Amino acid sequence: MESYLIKDTTKEERKQIVEEALGNISANCDGCMAGLAEMYEEYIEGRKEIREINMEYNARYLRGDMEKKERRSCVM
């Protein structure tokens, strides 16, 4: 398995990793994909690892913070 860590990838590779993982992020047909793409922008820019982003997102479910304005779940 190849490494997805920031130290082992370029910005272009990280962008491709996110695009492949999320599918067609440019379509935004249901309004949710744009939020997901934004969520991983810090990884693409090299500021946070994927694991950190996922842990922060999941922690809001455990704390019950999903009613806050910054939530990134679907409105449907």
Protein backbone atom coordinates (compact mmCIF):
# COMPACT_ATOMS: atom_id res chain seq x y z
CA MET A 1 0.00 0.00 0.00
CA GLU A 2 1.34 3.40 -0.90
CA SER A 3 1.49 6.19 1.67
CA TYR A 4 -1.10 8.96 1.73
CA LEU A 5 0.77 10.98 4.34
CA ILE A 6 1.47 14.62 3.55
CA LYS A 7 5.23 14.06 3.82
CA ASP A 8 5.05 11.37 1.13
CA THR A 9 2.82 13.17 -1.40
CA THR A 10 2.72 16.32 -3.47
CA LYS A 11 -0.21 18.71 -3.49
CA GLU A 12 -1.28 17.38 -6.89
CA GLU A 13 -1.18 13.79 -5.61
CA ARG A 14 -3.23 14.72 -2.54
CA LYS A 15 -5.82 16.41 -4.72
CA GLN A 16 -6.04 13.31 -6.90
CA ILE A 17 -6.37 11.08 -3.81
CA VAL A 18 -9.32 13.13 -2.56
CA GLU A 19 -10.97 13.28 -5.98
CA GLU A 20 -10.67 9.52 -6.44
CA ALA A 21 -11.97 8.82 -2.94
CA LEU A 22 -15.00 11.08 -3.28
CA GLY A 23 -15.80 10.39 -6.91
CA ASN A 24 -16.85 13.19 -9.24
CA ILE A 25 -16.55 16.19 -6.91
CA SER A 26 -17.17 18.68 -9.69
CA ALA A 27 -20.71 17.45 -10.36
CA ASN A 28 -22.17 18.56 -7.00
CA CYS A 29 -25.51 17.19 -8.14
CA ASP A 30 -26.99 16.72 -4.68
CA GLY A 31 -25.30 19.62 -2.92
CA CYS A 32 -23.29 17.38 -0.57
CA MET A 33 -20.13 16.82 -2.56
CA ALA A 34 -19.01 20.44 -2.35
CA GLY A 35 -19.00 20.24 1.46
CA LEU A 36 -17.02 17.02 1.42
CA ALA A 37 -14.49 18.45 -0.98
CA GLU A 38 -14.08 21.52 1.25
CA MET A 39 -13.63 19.30 4.29
CA TYR A 40 -10.47 17.78 2.79
CA GLU A 41 -8.98 21.06 1.56
CA GLU A 42 -6.65 21.19 4.58
CA TYR A 43 -5.24 17.81 3.57
CA ILE A 44 -4.76 18.92 -0.03
CA GLU A 45 -2.97 22.05 1.19
CA GLY A 46 -0.73 19.96 3.49
CA ARG A 47 -1.99 21.30 6.82
CA LYS A 48 -3.79 18.22 8.22
CA GLU A 49 -3.61 14.51 7.59
CA ILE A 50 -6.73 12.67 6.39
CA ARG A 51 -6.86 10.81 9.69
CA GLU A 52 -7.01 14.08 11.67
CA ILE A 53 -9.82 15.46 9.51
CA ASN A 54 -11.86 12.28 9.81
CA MET A 55 -11.33 12.11 13.57
CA GLU A 56 -12.48 15.73 14.01
CA TYR A 57 -15.56 15.10 11.89
CA ASN A 58 -16.48 11.91 13.75
CA ALA A 59 -15.87 13.51 17.15
CA ARG A 60 -18.74 15.92 16.54
CA TYR A 61 -21.12 12.95 16.39
CA LEU A 62 -19.82 11.66 19.70
CA ARG A 63 -20.15 15.10 21.34
CA GLY A 64 -23.51 15.86 19.71
CA ASP A 65 -22.27 19.02 17.97
CA MET A 66 -24.12 18.42 14.70
CA GLU A 67 -26.59 21.24 15.37
CA LYS A 68 -23.90 23.91 15.07
CA LYS A 69 -23.71 26.14 12.00
CA GLU A 70 -20.43 24.71 10.75
CA ARG A 71 -21.83 21.20 10.28
CA ARG A 72 -21.12 19.57 6.96
CA SER A 73 -23.87 17.02 6.66
CA CYS A 74 -26.51 16.92 3.94
CA VAL A 75 -29.54 19.12 4.42
CA MET A 76 -31.75 16.50 2.80
